[in-house]
Amino acid sequence: MEIKQLRYFLVVAEELHFARSAERLHVVQAAVSQQIRRLEHELGKPLFDRSRRQVTLTAAGHRLVPEARAVLDAVSHAAEIVRSRSDEPDAPPHFRLGIAGGSGKRMDLVMDYLGIHLPDLLVTLEIGQVWEQLDAVRSGALDAALVRLPRNDQDLELIPVWVDRIVVAIPSRHPLSSKPDLALSDLANLPLRLIPSEQNPAFAATVLRACANAGFDPPTGFPFRDLQTTVLELGSGPPSWTVMYEGSAQALRTERVIFRPVADPSMVVQMWLAVREKTALVDALIEACAHV
């Protein structure tokens, strides 16, 4: 039995709806169903009745709810005890921050600000998937996390800190590369190599929704691999395009591909700071984010 399974179980028990639970957990619905099935298999009993239109808890599910809450509370309490005690009386303050990929120069500016205003603060950075980061904040493994596109998270406080722009990447040799004002609709006939929805559902949904609003459904290009490989292939393969956060583009400069913003206000995502509660160090981090 895993902590993640209990976390997923409690969210489904509260929502009684797998799609809403997946949205709240920031994962695809299949991931929620898979974790619940594994938990049911391990316990040897069904936890939810799926035979009706509405999902309901079984008797076993009702019995598990208080026990699961007690386990998660115990995990959080244990983390708090460890975090509140220092093995070294004069140890400097330590702040563990989860970060999202593609933040680019912004994280450098945040760290510079903290270094100037809190020179004794030790900051540990951890990168990971959004649902992993949020679980770590809930459990106390992280003090805070910078995440994109969280929705309906009832356990954490979500503070908006900045907006990330999504930019497009197209081959330098393509005629569109020299167009001064690139619109999303200009790319309508060009195959799109988009990160799979199961890897980043919110990002993929944002891009596809923006395309739909621009009046087209992009043709599918070669499968998306990792971002760096896809960009390299873009420069030498058949004409196509991909998308990424502006911060990622700053680290992927190549003469064979250009990175351009598009004149579409929906091609942006909000960055949030997720915390359990505000503290003096959290306030300092919020102030640092306001200066990037």
C-alpha atoms as a PDB file:
ATOM      1  CA  MET A   1       0.000   0.000   0.000  1.00  0.00           C
ATOM      2  CA  GLU A   2       1.463   3.339  -1.071  1.00  0.00           C
ATOM      3  CA  ILE A   3       0.892   6.858   0.263  1.00  0.00           C
ATOM      4  CA  LYS A   4      -0.009   7.975  -3.265  1.00  0.00           C
ATOM      5  CA  GLN A   5      -2.756   5.338  -3.455  1.00  0.00           C
ATOM      6  CA  LEU A   6      -4.279   6.542  -0.199  1.00  0.00           C
ATOM      7  CA  ARG A   7      -4.093  10.151  -1.379  1.00  0.00           C
ATOM      8  CA  TYR A   8      -5.860   9.261  -4.637  1.00  0.00           C
ATOM      9  CA  PHE A   9      -8.428   7.176  -2.745  1.00  0.00           C
ATOM     10  CA  LEU A  10      -9.364  10.058  -0.435  1.00  0.00           C
ATOM     11  CA  VAL A  11      -9.768  12.487  -3.329  1.00  0.00           C
ATOM     12  CA  VAL A  12     -12.075  10.071  -5.168  1.00  0.00           C
ATOM     13  CA  ALA A  13     -13.951   9.428  -1.909  1.00  0.00           C
ATOM     14  CA  GLU A  14     -14.559  13.168  -1.599  1.00  0.00           C
ATOM     15  CA  GLU A  15     -15.396  13.857  -5.235  1.00  0.00           C
ATOM     16  CA  LEU A  16     -17.182  10.549  -6.034  1.00  0.00           C
ATOM     17  CA  HIS A  17     -16.242  11.248  -9.640  1.00  0.00           C
ATOM     18  CA  PHE A  18     -13.108   9.942 -11.360  1.00  0.00           C
ATOM     19  CA  ALA A  19     -12.804  12.747 -13.941  1.00  0.00           C
ATOM     20  CA  ARG A  20     -13.096  15.501 -11.314  1.00  0.00           C
ATOM     21  CA  SER A  21     -10.646  13.633  -9.093  1.00  0.00           C
ATOM     22  CA  ALA A  22      -8.122  13.450 -11.924  1.00  0.00           C
ATOM     23  CA  GLU A  23      -8.472  17.176 -12.536  1.00  0.00           C
ATOM     24  CA  ARG A  24      -7.973  17.926  -8.847  1.00  0.00           C
ATOM     25  CA  LEU A  25      -4.901  15.668  -8.728  1.00  0.00           C
ATOM     26  CA  HIS A  26      -3.582  17.125 -12.017  1.00  0.00           C
ATOM     27  CA  VAL A  27      -3.243  13.713 -13.668  1.00  0.00           C
ATOM     28  CA  VAL A  28      -5.113  11.878 -16.399  1.00  0.00           C
ATOM     29  CA  GLN A  29      -8.159   9.863 -15.362  1.00  0.00           C
ATOM     30  CA  ALA A  30      -6.495   6.569 -16.298  1.00  0.00           C
ATOM     31  CA  ALA A  31      -3.795   7.182 -13.669  1.00  0.00           C
ATOM     32  CA  VAL A  32      -6.419   7.607 -10.949  1.00  0.00           C
ATOM     33  CA  SER A  33      -8.286   4.465 -12.012  1.00  0.00           C
ATOM     34  CA  GLN A  34      -5.053   2.477 -12.114  1.00  0.00           C
ATOM     35  CA  GLN A  35      -4.011   3.471  -8.588  1.00  0.00           C
ATOM     36  CA  ILE A  36      -7.474   2.700  -7.191  1.00  0.00           C
ATOM     37  CA  ARG A  37      -7.508  -0.722  -8.901  1.00  0.00           C
ATOM     38  CA  ARG A  38      -4.091  -1.539  -7.459  1.00  0.00           C
ATOM     39  CA  LEU A  39      -5.246  -0.556  -3.985  1.00  0.00           C
ATOM     40  CA  GLU A  40      -8.411  -2.635  -4.312  1.00  0.00           C
ATOM     41  CA  HIS A  41      -6.377  -5.609  -5.550  1.00  0.00           C
ATOM     42  CA  GLU A  42      -4.003  -5.339  -2.596  1.00  0.00           C
ATOM     43  CA  LEU A  43      -6.845  -5.067  -0.079  1.00  0.00           C
ATOM     44  CA  GLY A  44      -8.893  -7.775  -1.781  1.00  0.00           C
ATOM     45  CA  LYS A  45     -12.087  -5.721  -1.680  1.00  0.00           C
ATOM     46  CA  PRO A  46     -13.766  -3.148  -3.953  1.00  0.00           C
ATOM     47  CA  LEU A  47     -13.672   0.357  -2.506  1.00  0.00           C
ATOM     48  CA  PHE A  48     -16.080   1.994  -4.954  1.00  0.00           C
ATOM     49  CA  ASP A  49     -19.317   0.876  -6.572  1.00  0.00           C
ATOM     50  CA  ARG A  50     -19.052   1.813 -10.248  1.00  0.00           C
ATOM     51  CA  SER A  51     -22.195  -0.004 -11.369  1.00  0.00           C
ATOM     52  CA  ARG A  52     -24.405   3.073 -11.165  1.00  0.00           C
ATOM     53  CA  ARG A  53     -24.159   6.400 -12.923  1.00  0.00           C
ATOM     54  CA  GLN A  54     -22.740   7.912  -9.752  1.00  0.00           C
ATOM     55  CA  VAL A  55     -19.642   6.504  -8.072  1.00  0.00           C
ATOM     56  CA  THR A  56     -20.313   5.508  -4.453  1.00  0.00           C
ATOM     57  CA  LEU A  57     -18.223   4.113  -1.647  1.00  0.00           C
ATOM     58  CA  THR A  58     -18.642   0.465  -0.696  1.00  0.00           C
ATOM     59  CA  ALA A  59     -18.739  -0.616   2.942  1.00  0.00           C
ATOM     60  CA  ALA A  60     -15.008  -1.339   2.731  1.00  0.00           C
ATOM     61  CA  GLY A  61     -14.435   2.085   1.230  1.00  0.00           C
ATOM     62  CA  HIS A  62     -16.284   3.773   4.091  1.00  0.00           C
ATOM     63  CA  ARG A  63     -14.133   1.870   6.589  1.00  0.00           C
ATOM     64  CA  LEU A  64     -10.933   2.900   4.814  1.00  0.00           C
ATOM     65  CA  VAL A  65     -11.658   6.658   4.756  1.00  0.00           C
ATOM     66  CA  PRO A  66     -10.806   7.434   8.422  1.00  0.00           C
ATOM     67  CA  GLU A  67      -7.865   5.022   8.376  1.00  0.00           C
ATOM     68  CA  ALA A  68      -6.414   6.603   5.227  1.00  0.00           C
ATOM     69  CA  ARG A  69      -6.782  10.079   6.713  1.00  0.00           C
ATOM     70  CA  ALA A  70      -5.023   8.909   9.872  1.00  0.00           C
ATOM     71  CA  VAL A  71      -2.113   7.504   7.845  1.00  0.00           C
ATOM     72  CA  LEU A  72      -1.676  10.690   5.824  1.00  0.00           C
ATOM     73  CA  ASP A  73      -1.937  12.836   8.952  1.00  0.00           C
ATOM     74  CA  ALA A  74       0.739  10.679  10.584  1.00  0.00           C
ATOM     75  CA  VAL A  75       3.028  11.081   7.576  1.00  0.00           C
ATOM     76  CA  SER A  76       2.559  14.853   7.637  1.00  0.00           C
ATOM     77  CA  HIS A  77       3.152  14.958  11.400  1.00  0.00           C
ATOM     78  CA  ALA A  78       6.342  12.908  11.090  1.00  0.00           C
ATOM     79  CA  ALA A  79       7.645  15.278   8.423  1.00  0.00           C
ATOM     80  CA  GLU A  80       6.841  18.265  10.633  1.00  0.00           C
ATOM     81  CA  ILE A  81       8.746  16.755  13.560  1.00  0.00           C
ATOM     82  CA  VAL A  82      11.809  16.153  11.412  1.00  0.00           C
ATOM     83  CA  ARG A  83      11.626  19.604   9.854  1.00  0.00           C
ATOM     84  CA  SER A  84      11.169  21.389  13.176  1.00  0.00           C
ATOM     85  CA  ARG A  85      14.275  19.891  14.795  1.00  0.00           C
ATOM     86  CA  SER A  86      17.822  20.683  13.760  1.00  0.00           C
ATOM     87  CA  ASP A  87      20.682  18.318  14.601  1.00  0.00           C
ATOM     88  CA  GLU A  88      22.932  21.359  14.691  1.00  0.00           C
ATOM     89  CA  PRO A  89      21.874  24.203  17.029  1.00  0.00           C
ATOM     90  CA  ASP A  90      23.461  26.860  14.826  1.00  0.00           C
ATOM     91  CA  ALA A  91      22.400  25.354  11.483  1.00  0.00           C
ATOM     92  CA  PRO A  92      21.221  27.930   8.905  1.00  0.00           C
ATOM     93  CA  PRO A  93      17.533  27.986   7.906  1.00  0.00           C
ATOM     94  CA  HIS A  94      16.720  25.465   5.202  1.00  0.00           C
ATOM     95  CA  PHE A  95      13.954  25.831   2.602  1.00  0.00           C
ATOM     96  CA  ARG A  96      13.020  23.003   0.222  1.00  0.00           C
ATOM     97  CA  LEU A  97      11.411  24.273  -2.959  1.00  0.00           C
ATOM     98  CA  GLY A  98       9.909  22.246  -5.783  1.00  0.00           C
ATOM     99  CA  ILE A  99      10.323  23.851  -9.184  1.00  0.00           C
ATOM    100  CA  ALA A 100       8.823  23.331 -12.630  1.00  0.00           C
ATOM    101  CA  GLY A 101      10.873  22.816 -15.755  1.00  0.00           C
ATOM    102  CA  GLY A 102      11.082  25.626 -18.283  1.00  0.00           C
ATOM    103  CA  SER A 103      11.333  28.459 -15.756  1.00  0.00           C
ATOM    104  CA  GLY A 104      14.458  29.764 -17.472  1.00  0.00           C
ATOM    105  CA  LYS A 105      16.051  32.930 -16.110  1.00  0.00           C
ATOM    106  CA  ARG A 106      13.266  33.509 -13.630  1.00  0.00           C
ATOM    107  CA  MET A 107      14.627  30.939 -11.180  1.00  0.00           C
ATOM    108  CA  ASP A 108      18.064  32.536 -11.415  1.00  0.00           C
ATOM    109  CA  LEU A 109      16.512  35.888 -10.484  1.00  0.00           C
ATOM    110  CA  VAL A 110      14.553  34.332  -7.613  1.00  0.00           C
ATOM    111  CA  MET A 111      17.693  32.696  -6.223  1.00  0.00           C
ATOM    112  CA  ASP A 112      19.680  35.934  -6.650  1.00  0.00           C
ATOM    113  CA  TYR A 113      17.030  37.882  -4.723  1.00  0.00           C
ATOM    114  CA  LEU A 114      16.986  35.357  -1.876  1.00  0.00           C
ATOM    115  CA  GLY A 115      20.786  35.318  -1.798  1.00  0.00           C
ATOM    116  CA  ILE A 116      20.903  39.085  -1.364  1.00  0.00           C
ATOM    117  CA  HIS A 117      18.105  39.450   1.198  1.00  0.00           C
ATOM    118  CA  LEU A 118      18.561  36.140   3.085  1.00  0.00           C
ATOM    119  CA  PRO A 119      22.244  35.289   2.665  1.00  0.00           C
ATOM    120  CA  ASP A 120      22.160  32.573   5.382  1.00  0.00           C
ATOM    121  CA  LEU A 121      19.196  30.731   3.863  1.00  0.00           C
ATOM    122  CA  LEU A 122      19.980  27.307   2.384  1.00  0.00           C
ATOM    123  CA  VAL A 123      17.595  26.581  -0.521  1.00  0.00           C
ATOM    124  CA  THR A 124      17.286  23.058  -1.935  1.00  0.00           C
ATOM    125  CA  LEU A 125      15.625  22.822  -5.359  1.00  0.00           C
ATOM    126  CA  GLU A 126      13.789  19.723  -6.566  1.00  0.00           C
ATOM    127  CA  ILE A 127      12.267  19.355 -10.026  1.00  0.00           C
ATOM    128  CA  GLY A 128       9.382  16.971 -10.701  1.00  0.00           C
ATOM    129  CA  GLN A 129       5.891  16.446 -12.054  1.00  0.00           C
ATOM    130  CA  VAL A 130       3.180  18.751 -10.732  1.00  0.00           C
ATOM    131  CA  TRP A 131       1.253  16.052  -8.833  1.00  0.00           C
ATOM    132  CA  GLU A 132       4.478  14.783  -7.229  1.00  0.00           C
ATOM    133  CA  GLN A 133       5.358  18.297  -6.112  1.00  0.00           C
ATOM    134  CA  LEU A 134       1.916  18.929  -4.632  1.00  0.00           C
ATOM    135  CA  ASP A 135       1.975  15.607  -2.758  1.00  0.00           C
ATOM    136  CA  ALA A 136       5.415  16.524  -1.373  1.00  0.00           C
ATOM    137  CA  VAL A 137       4.122  19.889  -0.135  1.00  0.00           C
ATOM    138  CA  ARG A 138       1.128  18.199   1.512  1.00  0.00           C
ATOM    139  CA  SER A 139       3.332  15.656   3.286  1.00  0.00           C
ATOM    140  CA  GLY A 140       5.907  18.227   4.377  1.00  0.00           C
ATOM    141  CA  ALA A 141       8.693  16.811   2.199  1.00  0.00           C
ATOM    142  CA  LEU A 142       8.744  20.215   0.468  1.00  0.00           C
ATOM    143  CA  ASP A 143       8.135  23.617   2.043  1.00  0.00           C
ATOM    144  CA  ALA A 144       6.625  24.988  -1.178  1.00  0.00           C
ATOM    145  CA  ALA A 145       6.447  24.255  -4.890  1.00  0.00           C
ATOM    146  CA  LEU A 146       6.226  26.363  -8.022  1.00  0.00           C
ATOM    147  CA  VAL A 147       3.661  24.619 -10.236  1.00  0.00           C
ATOM    148  CA  ARG A 148       1.667  25.414 -13.352  1.00  0.00           C
ATOM    149  CA  LEU A 149      -2.070  25.009 -13.875  1.00  0.00           C
ATOM    150  CA  PRO A 150      -3.252  23.549 -10.560  1.00  0.00           C
ATOM    151  CA  ARG A 151      -7.035  23.373 -10.223  1.00  0.00           C
ATOM    152  CA  ASN A 152      -9.425  22.768  -7.327  1.00  0.00           C
ATOM    153  CA  ASP A 153      -6.722  21.915  -4.812  1.00  0.00           C
ATOM    154  CA  GLN A 154      -8.533  22.071  -1.491  1.00  0.00           C
ATOM    155  CA  ASP A 155      -5.577  21.102   0.721  1.00  0.00           C
ATOM    156  CA  LEU A 156      -3.048  23.785  -0.212  1.00  0.00           C
ATOM    157  CA  GLU A 157      -2.920  27.532  -0.599  1.00  0.00           C
ATOM    158  CA  LEU A 158      -2.164  28.527  -4.198  1.00  0.00           C
ATOM    159  CA  ILE A 159      -0.590  31.927  -4.739  1.00  0.00           C
ATOM    160  CA  PRO A 160      -0.231  33.311  -8.302  1.00  0.00           C
ATOM    161  CA  VAL A 161       3.347  34.474  -8.879  1.00  0.00           C
ATOM    162  CA  TRP A 162       3.902  34.989 -12.623  1.00  0.00           C
ATOM    163  CA  VAL A 163       2.663  34.043 -16.102  1.00  0.00           C
ATOM    164  CA  ASP A 164       4.732  31.896 -18.468  1.00  0.00           C
ATOM    165  CA  ARG A 165       4.406  32.439 -22.204  1.00  0.00           C
ATOM    166  CA  ILE A 166       4.204  29.472 -24.576  1.00  0.00           C
ATOM    167  CA  VAL A 167       6.303  29.944 -27.705  1.00  0.00           C
ATOM    168  CA  VAL A 168       6.426  27.977 -30.954  1.00  0.00           C
ATOM    169  CA  ALA A 169       9.474  26.438 -32.581  1.00  0.00           C
ATOM    170  CA  ILE A 170       9.671  26.146 -36.380  1.00  0.00           C
ATOM    171  CA  PRO A 171      12.532  25.353 -38.777  1.00  0.00           C
ATOM    172  CA  SER A 172      14.613  28.398 -39.709  1.00  0.00           C
ATOM    173  CA  ARG A 173      14.313  27.416 -43.357  1.00  0.00           C
ATOM    174  CA  HIS A 174      10.496  27.553 -43.303  1.00  0.00           C
ATOM    175  CA  PRO A 175       8.899  30.646 -44.938  1.00  0.00           C
ATOM    176  CA  LEU A 176       7.007  31.428 -41.714  1.00  0.00           C
ATOM    177  CA  SER A 177      10.288  31.986 -39.884  1.00  0.00           C
ATOM    178  CA  SER A 178      10.650  35.418 -41.490  1.00  0.00           C
ATOM    179  CA  LYS A 179       7.084  36.564 -40.855  1.00  0.00           C
ATOM    180  CA  PRO A 180       7.242  39.544 -38.450  1.00  0.00           C
ATOM    181  CA  ASP A 181       3.904  38.933 -36.691  1.00  0.00           C
ATOM    182  CA  LEU A 182       3.260  35.225 -36.385  1.00  0.00           C
ATOM    183  CA  ALA A 183      -0.317  34.164 -35.642  1.00  0.00           C
ATOM    184  CA  LEU A 184      -1.295  30.731 -34.428  1.00  0.00           C
ATOM    185  CA  SER A 185      -3.580  30.312 -37.447  1.00  0.00           C
ATOM    186  CA  ASP A 186      -0.515  30.662 -39.720  1.00  0.00           C
ATOM    187  CA  LEU A 187       0.517  27.205 -38.497  1.00  0.00           C
ATOM    188  CA  ALA A 188      -2.811  25.537 -39.325  1.00  0.00           C
ATOM    189  CA  ASN A 189      -1.458  23.358 -42.146  1.00  0.00           C
ATOM    190  CA  LEU A 190       1.849  22.506 -40.500  1.00  0.00           C
ATOM    191  CA  PRO A 191       2.065  19.217 -38.528  1.00  0.00           C
ATOM    192  CA  LEU A 192       2.333  19.699 -34.776  1.00  0.00           C
ATOM    193  CA  ARG A 193       4.664  17.626 -32.605  1.00  0.00           C
ATOM    194  CA  LEU A 194       2.968  18.012 -29.220  1.00  0.00           C
ATOM    195  CA  ILE A 195       3.965  16.479 -25.906  1.00  0.00           C
ATOM    196  CA  PRO A 196       1.563  13.567 -25.139  1.00  0.00           C
ATOM    197  CA  SER A 197      -1.372  14.499 -22.945  1.00  0.00           C
ATOM    198  CA  GLU A 198      -0.518  11.804 -20.400  1.00  0.00           C
ATOM    199  CA  GLN A 199       2.855  13.468 -19.774  1.00  0.00           C
ATOM    200  CA  ASN A 200       1.516  17.004 -19.334  1.00  0.00           C
ATOM    201  CA  PRO A 201      -2.287  17.048 -19.709  1.00  0.00           C
ATOM    202  CA  ALA A 202      -2.783  20.710 -18.801  1.00  0.00           C
ATOM    203  CA  PHE A 203      -0.102  21.973 -21.202  1.00  0.00           C
ATOM    204  CA  ALA A 204      -1.370  19.851 -24.116  1.00  0.00           C
ATOM    205  CA  ALA A 205      -4.956  20.942 -23.427  1.00  0.00           C
ATOM    206  CA  THR A 206      -3.939  24.621 -23.365  1.00  0.00           C
ATOM    207  CA  VAL A 207      -2.244  24.367 -26.774  1.00  0.00           C
ATOM    208  CA  LEU A 208      -5.034  22.374 -28.430  1.00  0.00           C
ATOM    209  CA  ARG A 209      -7.678  24.723 -27.014  1.00  0.00           C
ATOM    210  CA  ALA A 210      -5.776  27.720 -28.393  1.00  0.00           C
ATOM    211  CA  CYS A 211      -5.617  26.048 -31.820  1.00  0.00           C
ATOM    212  CA  ALA A 212      -9.339  25.342 -31.712  1.00  0.00           C
ATOM    213  CA  ASN A 213     -10.036  28.968 -30.795  1.00  0.00           C
ATOM    214  CA  ALA A 214      -7.888  29.981 -33.769  1.00  0.00           C
ATOM    215  CA  GLY A 215     -10.135  27.881 -36.025  1.00  0.00           C
ATOM    216  CA  PHE A 216      -8.098  24.757 -36.747  1.00  0.00           C
ATOM    217  CA  ASP A 217      -7.251  21.275 -35.554  1.00  0.00           C
ATOM    218  CA  PRO A 218      -3.504  20.825 -36.125  1.00  0.00           C
ATOM    219  CA  PRO A 219      -2.405  17.803 -38.150  1.00  0.00           C
ATOM    220  CA  THR A 220      -0.238  15.407 -36.151  1.00  0.00           C
ATOM    221  CA  GLY A 221       3.457  15.321 -36.923  1.00  0.00           C
ATOM    222  CA  PHE A 222       6.060  12.747 -35.974  1.00  0.00           C
ATOM    223  CA  PRO A 223       5.730  11.648 -32.342  1.00  0.00           C
ATOM    224  CA  PHE A 224       7.087  13.997 -29.719  1.00  0.00           C
ATOM    225  CA  ARG A 225      10.149  12.610 -27.954  1.00  0.00           C
ATOM    226  CA  ASP A 226      11.956  14.599 -25.297  1.00  0.00           C
ATOM    227  CA  LEU A 227      12.058  18.356 -25.930  1.00  0.00           C
ATOM    228  CA  GLN A 228      15.719  18.616 -26.892  1.00  0.00           C
ATOM    229  CA  THR A 229      15.540  15.702 -29.354  1.00  0.00           C
ATOM    230  CA  THR A 230      12.328  17.005 -30.891  1.00  0.00           C
ATOM    231  CA  VAL A 231      13.839  20.454 -31.442  1.00  0.00           C
ATOM    232  CA  LEU A 232      16.966  18.960 -33.030  1.00  0.00           C
ATOM    233  CA  GLU A 233      14.847  16.824 -35.362  1.00  0.00           C
ATOM    234  CA  LEU A 234      12.720  19.836 -36.193  1.00  0.00           C
ATOM    235  CA  GLY A 235      15.713  21.569 -37.704  1.00  0.00           C
ATOM    236  CA  SER A 236      16.505  18.792 -40.171  1.00  0.00           C
ATOM    237  CA  GLY A 237      13.323  16.776 -40.700  1.00  0.00           C
ATOM    238  CA  PRO A 238      10.101  17.441 -42.628  1.00  0.00           C
ATOM    239  CA  PRO A 239       8.503  20.829 -41.871  1.00  0.00           C
ATOM    240  CA  SER A 240       6.598  20.787 -38.574  1.00  0.00           C
ATOM    241  CA  TRP A 241       6.351  22.771 -35.356  1.00  0.00           C
ATOM    242  CA  THR A 242       6.308  22.283 -31.615  1.00  0.00           C
ATOM    243  CA  VAL A 243       5.623  24.368 -28.527  1.00  0.00           C
ATOM    244  CA  MET A 244       7.325  24.959 -25.195  1.00  0.00           C
ATOM    245  CA  TYR A 245       7.599  27.395 -22.333  1.00  0.00           C
ATOM    246  CA  GLU A 246       9.621  30.497 -23.133  1.00  0.00           C
ATOM    247  CA  GLY A 247      12.108  29.579 -20.411  1.00  0.00           C
ATOM    248  CA  SER A 248      12.811  26.258 -22.125  1.00  0.00           C
ATOM    249  CA  ALA A 249      13.448  28.007 -25.428  1.00  0.00           C
ATOM    250  CA  GLN A 250      16.111  30.160 -23.767  1.00  0.00           C
ATOM    251  CA  ALA A 251      18.157  27.020 -23.125  1.00  0.00           C
ATOM    252  CA  LEU A 252      17.655  25.424 -26.561  1.00  0.00           C
ATOM    253  CA  ARG A 253      19.218  27.873 -28.968  1.00  0.00           C
ATOM    254  CA  THR A 254      20.066  26.430 -32.378  1.00  0.00           C
ATOM    255  CA  GLU A 255      20.569  28.102 -35.761  1.00  0.00           C
ATOM    256  CA  ARG A 256      18.295  25.587 -37.505  1.00  0.00           C
ATOM    257  CA  VAL A 257      15.211  26.380 -35.398  1.00  0.00           C
ATOM    258  CA  ILE A 258      13.654  29.687 -34.394  1.00  0.00           C
ATOM    259  CA  PHE A 259      11.508  30.259 -31.314  1.00  0.00           C
ATOM    260  CA  ARG A 260       8.724  32.787 -31.657  1.00  0.00           C
ATOM    261  CA  PRO A 261       5.805  34.027 -29.597  1.00  0.00           C
ATOM    262  CA  VAL A 262       2.443  34.083 -31.329  1.00  0.00           C
ATOM    263  CA  ALA A 263      -0.195  36.784 -31.240  1.00  0.00           C
ATOM    264  CA  ASP A 264      -2.603  34.753 -29.116  1.00  0.00           C
ATOM    265  CA  PRO A 265      -3.386  35.755 -25.505  1.00  0.00           C
ATOM    266  CA  SER A 266      -4.400  32.202 -24.568  1.00  0.00           C
ATOM    267  CA  MET A 267      -0.895  30.827 -25.194  1.00  0.00           C
ATOM    268  CA  VAL A 268       0.118  31.472 -21.585  1.00  0.00           C
ATOM    269  CA  VAL A 269       0.030  29.519 -18.344  1.00  0.00           C
ATOM    270  CA  GLN A 270      -0.110  30.721 -14.764  1.00  0.00           C
ATOM    271  CA  MET A 271       2.671  29.792 -12.360  1.00  0.00           C
ATOM    272  CA  TRP A 272       1.498  29.244  -8.794  1.00  0.00           C
ATOM    273  CA  LEU A 273       3.288  28.882  -5.493  1.00  0.00           C
ATOM    274  CA  ALA A 274       1.742  25.996  -3.566  1.00  0.00           C
ATOM    275  CA  VAL A 275       2.158  26.057   0.238  1.00  0.00           C
ATOM    276  CA  ARG A 276       0.435  24.516   3.225  1.00  0.00           C
ATOM    277  CA  GLU A 277       0.579  27.790   5.118  1.00  0.00           C
ATOM    278  CA  LYS A 278       2.295  31.142   4.900  1.00  0.00           C
ATOM    279  CA  THR A 279       5.482  31.597   6.899  1.00  0.00           C
ATOM    280  CA  ALA A 280       8.169  34.280   6.969  1.00  0.00           C
ATOM    281  CA  LEU A 281      10.245  32.289   4.472  1.00  0.00           C
ATOM    282  CA  VAL A 282       7.228  31.782   2.197  1.00  0.00           C
ATOM    283  CA  ASP A 283       6.589  35.542   2.292  1.00  0.00           C
ATOM    284  CA  ALA A 284      10.224  36.127   1.323  1.00  0.00           C
ATOM    285  CA  LEU A 285       9.838  33.722  -1.601  1.00  0.00           C
ATOM    286  CA  ILE A 286       6.659  35.493  -2.743  1.00  0.00           C
ATOM    287  CA  GLU A 287       8.552  38.781  -2.641  1.00  0.00           C
ATOM    288  CA  ALA A 288      11.389  37.233  -4.663  1.00  0.00           C
ATOM    289  CA  CYS A 289       8.935  35.990  -7.299  1.00  0.00           C
ATOM    290  CA  ALA A 290       7.436  39.469  -7.568  1.00  0.00           C
ATOM    291  CA  HIS A 291      10.810  40.806  -8.707  1.00  0.00           C
ATOM    292  CA  VAL A 292      11.339  38.469 -11.690  1.00  0.00           C
END
